[in-house]
Amino acid sequence: MDDKIKALLEELRVHLQNDGGDMELVKIEGKNVFLKLKGACGCCPHAQMTLKSGIERILREQLDPEIVVHRVAENA
């Protein structure tokens, strides 16, 4: 499952990069995915919506409905 999550996240990165941002996979623990938003995405007021309504929704729809995405602080 980890490899599938990593591959799908890699596909999604291009959308963030097109807006001047990026994301970094910090770790995967079971069905919990920890991401760090970078660049423009790191300070965007819509960052939480990007994670939950965007990335988490897609991971759940395409891989497993129990996946939960958590945001890791950029300076962590």
Protein backbone atom coordinates (compact mmCIF):
# COMPACT_ATOMS: atom_id res chain seq x y z
CA MET A 1 0.00 0.00 0.00
CA ASP A 2 2.86 2.42 0.80
CA ASP A 3 4.16 2.19 -2.76
CA LYS A 4 0.70 2.95 -4.17
CA ILE A 5 0.35 5.97 -1.88
CA LYS A 6 3.80 7.25 -2.87
CA ALA A 7 3.06 6.82 -6.58
CA LEU A 8 -0.26 8.66 -6.36
CA LEU A 9 1.26 11.48 -4.31
CA GLU A 10 3.96 11.85 -6.94
CA GLU A 11 1.25 12.26 -9.61
CA LEU A 12 -0.51 14.90 -7.49
CA ARG A 13 2.66 16.93 -6.82
CA VAL A 14 2.60 18.43 -10.31
CA HIS A 15 -0.63 20.28 -9.49
CA LEU A 16 0.94 21.90 -6.44
CA GLN A 17 4.11 22.69 -8.37
CA ASN A 18 2.05 24.44 -11.05
CA ASP A 19 0.88 26.86 -8.33
CA GLY A 20 4.38 27.52 -6.98
CA GLY A 21 4.19 24.98 -4.17
CA ASP A 22 5.12 21.42 -3.45
CA MET A 23 4.69 18.68 -0.88
CA GLU A 24 7.01 16.32 0.88
CA LEU A 25 6.03 12.91 2.19
CA VAL A 26 7.28 12.78 5.78
CA LYS A 27 6.07 9.30 6.68
CA ILE A 28 3.33 6.73 6.31
CA GLU A 29 2.09 4.93 9.41
CA GLY A 30 -0.54 2.40 8.47
CA LYS A 31 -3.31 4.42 6.86
CA ASN A 32 -2.00 7.73 8.19
CA VAL A 33 -0.08 9.83 5.68
CA PHE A 34 2.00 12.74 6.99
CA LEU A 35 2.75 15.50 4.47
CA LYS A 36 4.64 18.76 4.62
CA LEU A 37 3.44 21.49 2.26
CA LYS A 38 6.22 23.65 0.87
CA GLY A 39 6.65 26.87 -1.09
CA ALA A 40 3.46 28.75 -1.84
CA CYS A 41 1.40 25.87 -0.47
CA GLY A 42 3.14 26.01 2.91
CA CYS A 43 1.73 29.43 3.76
CA CYS A 44 -1.48 29.30 1.74
CA PRO A 45 -4.66 29.94 3.75
CA HIS A 46 -6.28 27.08 1.83
CA ALA A 47 -3.60 24.53 2.74
CA GLN A 48 -5.83 22.48 5.04
CA MET A 49 -8.52 22.33 2.35
CA THR A 50 -5.88 21.23 -0.17
CA LEU A 51 -4.92 18.37 2.13
CA LYS A 52 -8.40 17.23 3.14
CA SER A 53 -10.62 18.07 0.16
CA GLY A 54 -7.93 17.43 -2.40
CA ILE A 55 -5.15 15.00 -1.55
CA GLU A 56 -6.94 12.99 1.14
CA ARG A 57 -10.12 12.71 -0.94
CA ILE A 58 -8.20 11.41 -3.96
CA LEU A 59 -6.19 8.90 -1.89
CA ARG A 60 -9.43 7.65 -0.32
CA GLU A 61 -11.27 7.38 -3.63
CA GLN A 62 -8.47 5.66 -5.50
CA LEU A 63 -6.77 3.57 -2.81
CA ASP A 64 -8.52 3.16 0.56
CA PRO A 65 -11.44 5.03 2.16
CA GLU A 66 -9.75 4.91 5.57
CA ILE A 67 -6.62 6.89 4.64
CA VAL A 68 -6.14 10.04 6.72
CA VAL A 69 -3.78 12.83 5.67
CA HIS A 70 -2.07 14.87 8.38
CA ARG A 71 -0.21 18.12 7.90
CA VAL A 72 3.28 18.42 9.33
CA ALA A 73 4.51 21.94 10.08
CA GLU A 74 6.97 23.26 7.50
CA ASN A 75 9.62 23.90 10.15
CA ALA A 76 9.24 20.43 11.72
